[in-house]
């Protein structure tokens, strides 16, 4: 892994699964999503760990 991967930040956009339909709004409220999207930031080197824990 290079220093570039540690210093580069990437945005990740998460949405509730569409199969939730009715519960989708509740999930969005629980995670304080804006317009049904949760935007989180991670550095590139830790991106897989970030996605694993979400």
Protein backbone atom coordinates (compact mmCIF):
# COMPACT_ATOMS: atom_id res chain seq x y z
CA UNK A 1 0.00 0.00 0.00
CA UNK A 2 1.30 3.42 -0.85
CA UNK A 3 1.24 6.67 1.07
CA UNK A 4 -1.20 7.90 -1.53
CA UNK A 5 -3.83 5.40 -0.38
CA UNK A 6 -3.49 6.64 3.19
CA UNK A 7 -3.77 10.31 2.28
CA UNK A 8 -6.54 10.05 -0.34
CA UNK A 9 -10.08 10.44 1.02
CA UNK A 10 -13.04 8.83 -0.70
CA UNK A 11 -16.76 9.39 -0.26
CA UNK A 12 -19.11 6.46 0.25
CA UNK A 13 -22.84 6.85 -0.30
CA UNK A 14 -25.07 4.35 1.52
CA UNK A 15 -28.80 3.86 0.99
CA UNK A 16 -31.32 1.52 2.64
CA UNK A 17 -32.01 -1.63 0.68
CA UNK A 18 -35.03 -1.13 -1.61
CA UNK A 19 -36.67 -4.33 -0.35
CA UNK A 20 -37.47 -2.55 2.94
CA UNK A 21 -40.08 -0.23 1.33
CA UNK A 22 -42.06 0.72 4.45
CA UNK A 23 -39.13 0.48 6.86
CA UNK A 24 -36.85 2.45 4.53
CA UNK A 25 -37.96 5.76 6.00
CA UNK A 26 -37.36 4.50 9.53
CA UNK A 27 -33.85 3.32 8.63
CA UNK A 28 -33.14 6.69 6.99
CA UNK A 29 -34.27 8.50 10.14
CA UNK A 30 -32.23 6.21 12.43
CA UNK A 31 -29.04 6.96 10.51
CA UNK A 32 -29.85 10.67 10.01
CA UNK A 33 -29.83 10.28 6.23
CA UNK A 34 -30.55 13.27 4.03
CA UNK A 35 -32.81 12.41 1.09
CA UNK A 36 -32.32 8.71 1.90
CA UNK A 37 -28.53 8.82 1.46
CA UNK A 38 -25.83 8.53 4.10
CA UNK A 39 -22.53 10.08 3.05
CA UNK A 40 -19.47 8.86 4.94
CA UNK A 41 -15.80 9.57 4.33
CA UNK A 42 -12.86 7.20 4.66
CA UNK A 43 -9.31 7.15 3.51
CA UNK A 44 -8.72 4.81 0.61
CA UNK A 45 -6.48 2.45 2.57
CA UNK A 46 -9.25 1.68 5.09
CA UNK A 47 -12.18 1.61 2.67
CA UNK A 48 -12.75 -2.16 2.86
CA UNK A 49 -12.83 -2.03 6.67
CA UNK A 50 -15.21 0.93 6.57
CA UNK A 51 -17.62 -0.93 4.30
CA UNK A 52 -17.34 -4.12 6.34
CA UNK A 53 -18.47 -2.37 9.53
CA UNK A 54 -21.36 -0.59 7.83
